[in-house]
Amino acid sequence: EPNSLLWGALNPFRPHEMIPPTLVVDIGISKVTVVIFTKGAIRFTSSIKIDMASTMPPDYLAMEWNEWVQKRKEDWVTAQKSLQELSKRITEYIDYYEEHLIHLHEKNGETLNDIIVCGAWGNFPEILDYLAKKLKKRVKGPEKMLPLHPAYTTALGIALRGIYEEYYA
């Protein structure tokens, strides 16, 4: 899954060595996948069991964020607690990378400044803004090759990787 996630979140046609150190966060309904990618390779992965809400996230086509927060107050409280826990964990992963891995893989010690958020909750600017403030990093959505919901980032990555392997096989 981490490899497919990267194929869907990052532009696969850009040389991977030119991509700055990036942390990709796939926020699902009950699980979060975190991948650190730098110098053309995956350097760290982790899965975290975090329940974002007792129901599905708001559908960005059917219900606006503020409407969802007002109608689903209990779910919003759960989501806020989960986001606090998630930002704490991501901070720990960034610290681990910068304390242990950066010296092994980086010649000039580039820090991890870019965070890409995708998954079922990745379409909401409010989530991106919250994480940017908590983590004090640039937080954005996936580099979209196609106009797809961020929930389909991994599926897109699987397709792109399959096309790439079929073409170059």
Protein backbone atom coordinates (compact mmCIF):
# COMPACT_ATOMS: atom_id res chain seq x y z
CA GLU A 1 0.00 0.00 0.00
CA PRO A 2 2.72 2.63 0.76
CA ASN A 3 4.18 2.31 -2.74
CA SER A 4 0.78 2.71 -4.39
CA LEU A 5 -0.02 5.60 -2.10
CA LEU A 6 3.11 7.42 -3.27
CA TRP A 7 2.34 6.74 -6.93
CA GLY A 8 -1.06 8.36 -6.45
CA ALA A 9 0.03 11.24 -4.18
CA LEU A 10 3.17 12.38 -6.01
CA ASN A 11 3.59 13.13 -9.70
CA PRO A 12 5.03 9.82 -10.95
CA PHE A 13 6.44 11.45 -14.07
CA ARG A 14 8.75 13.78 -12.12
CA PRO A 15 12.15 12.27 -11.30
CA HIS A 16 11.82 10.96 -7.73
CA GLU A 17 15.29 12.19 -6.83
CA MET A 18 14.06 15.75 -7.39
CA ILE A 19 11.13 15.44 -4.96
CA PRO A 20 11.98 17.10 -1.62
CA PRO A 21 11.59 15.01 1.54
CA THR A 22 7.85 14.44 1.83
CA LEU A 23 5.56 12.86 4.38
CA VAL A 24 2.34 11.39 2.96
CA VAL A 25 -0.62 10.84 5.31
CA ASP A 26 -3.58 8.73 4.13
CA ILE A 27 -6.44 9.41 6.59
CA GLY A 28 -9.10 6.73 6.33
CA ILE A 29 -12.15 6.08 8.46
CA SER A 30 -10.38 3.94 11.08
CA LYS A 31 -6.75 3.73 9.93
CA VAL A 32 -4.05 6.23 8.98
CA THR A 33 -1.05 5.30 6.87
CA VAL A 34 2.08 7.47 7.09
CA VAL A 35 4.94 7.27 4.57
CA ILE A 36 8.17 9.27 4.50
CA PHE A 37 9.66 9.52 1.01
CA THR A 38 13.02 11.07 0.21
CA LYS A 39 15.81 10.71 -2.36
CA GLY A 40 13.70 8.44 -4.56
CA ALA A 41 12.79 5.86 -1.91
CA ILE A 42 10.45 5.09 0.96
CA ARG A 43 12.37 5.62 4.21
CA PHE A 44 9.65 5.04 6.82
CA THR A 45 6.09 3.70 6.99
CA SER A 46 3.58 3.28 9.77
CA SER A 47 -0.10 2.47 10.20
CA ILE A 48 -2.06 3.97 13.05
CA LYS A 49 -5.47 2.79 14.18
CA ILE A 50 -7.40 6.02 14.69
CA ASP A 51 -11.18 6.40 14.49
CA MET A 52 -11.93 9.76 12.93
CA ALA A 53 -15.68 9.54 13.50
CA SER A 54 -18.40 7.03 14.24
CA THR A 55 -19.85 7.74 10.79
CA MET A 56 -18.49 8.52 7.38
CA PRO A 57 -16.78 11.87 6.77
CA PRO A 58 -18.89 14.55 5.12
CA ASP A 59 -19.42 14.05 1.43
CA TYR A 60 -17.91 17.17 -0.13
CA LEU A 61 -20.52 17.08 -2.88
CA ALA A 62 -23.57 16.50 -0.68
CA MET A 63 -22.72 18.30 2.55
CA GLU A 64 -20.38 21.17 3.28
CA TRP A 65 -17.86 20.92 6.11
CA ASN A 66 -19.56 23.46 8.37
CA GLU A 67 -22.93 21.79 7.84
CA TRP A 68 -21.42 18.41 8.79
CA VAL A 69 -19.80 19.89 11.92
CA GLN A 70 -23.14 21.39 13.02
CA LYS A 71 -25.22 18.26 12.33
CA ARG A 72 -22.70 15.73 13.61
CA LYS A 73 -21.34 17.40 16.75
CA GLU A 74 -20.40 14.09 18.41
CA ASP A 75 -18.51 12.99 15.31
CA TRP A 76 -16.73 16.34 15.16
CA VAL A 77 -15.62 15.96 18.80
CA THR A 78 -14.29 12.47 17.96
CA ALA A 79 -12.56 13.79 14.84
CA GLN A 80 -10.92 16.64 16.80
CA LYS A 81 -9.53 14.19 19.38
CA SER A 82 -8.30 11.93 16.61
CA LEU A 83 -6.64 14.84 14.79
CA GLN A 84 -4.86 15.84 18.01
CA GLU A 85 -3.58 12.27 18.42
CA LEU A 86 -2.63 12.13 14.72
CA SER A 87 -0.68 15.40 14.85
CA LYS A 88 1.16 14.14 17.95
CA ARG A 89 2.11 10.91 16.16
CA ILE A 90 3.19 12.72 12.99
CA THR A 91 5.38 15.03 15.09
CA GLU A 92 7.01 11.93 16.63
CA TYR A 93 7.65 10.47 13.14
CA ILE A 94 9.14 13.73 11.89
CA ASP A 95 11.36 13.93 14.98
CA TYR A 96 12.46 10.32 14.45
CA TYR A 97 13.27 11.03 10.80
CA GLU A 98 15.21 14.17 11.64
CA GLU A 99 17.11 12.53 14.52
CA HIS A 100 17.92 9.16 12.96
CA LEU A 101 17.19 8.82 9.26
CA ILE A 102 18.13 12.20 7.82
CA HIS A 103 21.85 11.59 8.39
CA LEU A 104 21.74 8.19 6.71
CA HIS A 105 19.98 9.27 3.54
CA GLU A 106 20.55 12.97 3.04
CA LYS A 107 23.87 14.50 2.00
CA ASN A 108 22.83 18.02 2.88
CA GLY A 109 20.41 17.18 5.70
CA GLU A 110 17.19 18.45 4.13
CA THR A 111 14.41 18.62 6.68
CA LEU A 112 10.93 17.31 6.10
CA ASN A 113 8.77 20.34 5.26
CA ASP A 114 6.11 18.98 2.91
CA ILE A 115 3.13 16.93 4.06
CA ILE A 116 0.58 15.54 1.62
CA VAL A 117 -2.79 14.50 3.05
CA CYS A 118 -5.08 12.15 1.17
CA GLY A 119 -7.70 9.55 1.98
CA ALA A 120 -11.35 9.89 2.93
CA TRP A 121 -10.63 13.05 4.97
CA GLY A 122 -8.09 14.59 2.63
CA ASN A 123 -10.50 16.73 0.63
CA PHE A 124 -11.23 19.25 3.37
CA PRO A 125 -9.15 22.43 3.61
CA GLU A 126 -10.12 22.62 7.29
CA ILE A 127 -8.23 19.38 8.00
CA LEU A 128 -5.21 20.58 6.01
CA ASP A 129 -5.22 23.93 7.83
CA TYR A 130 -5.54 22.25 11.22
CA LEU A 131 -2.56 19.97 10.56
CA ALA A 132 -0.47 22.82 9.10
CA LYS A 133 -0.97 24.88 12.27
CA LYS A 134 -0.29 21.96 14.60
CA LEU A 135 2.74 20.65 12.72
CA LYS A 136 4.11 24.01 11.53
CA LYS A 137 4.71 22.51 8.07
CA ARG A 138 3.31 22.95 4.56
CA VAL A 139 0.28 20.67 4.28
CA LYS A 140 -1.45 20.11 0.96
CA GLY A 141 -3.50 17.58 -0.96
CA PRO A 142 -2.09 15.10 -3.46
CA GLU A 143 -0.47 16.30 -6.69
CA LYS A 144 -3.53 15.57 -8.80
CA MET A 145 -2.94 13.96 -12.14
CA LEU A 146 -6.70 13.48 -12.55
CA PRO A 147 -9.61 15.27 -10.87
CA LEU A 148 -10.25 12.51 -8.32
CA HIS A 149 -11.30 12.66 -4.68
CA PRO A 150 -8.24 12.13 -2.42
CA ALA A 151 -9.93 8.97 -1.09
CA TYR A 152 -8.93 7.29 -4.36
CA THR A 153 -5.24 8.19 -4.17
CA THR A 154 -4.09 4.61 -3.52
CA ALA A 155 -6.33 3.22 -6.29
CA LEU A 156 -4.92 5.81 -8.69
CA GLY A 157 -1.41 4.84 -7.63
CA ILE A 158 -2.09 1.16 -8.31
CA ALA A 159 -3.39 2.03 -11.79
CA LEU A 160 -0.48 4.36 -12.62
CA ARG A 161 2.07 1.84 -11.43
CA GLY A 162 0.39 -0.90 -13.47
CA ILE A 163 0.41 1.27 -16.58
CA TYR A 164 4.07 2.17 -15.99
CA GLU A 165 5.11 -1.47 -15.52
CA GLU A 166 3.07 -2.59 -18.55
CA TYR A 167 4.62 0.11 -20.72
CA TYR A 168 8.21 -0.50 -19.62
CA ALA A 169 7.97 -4.29 -19.28
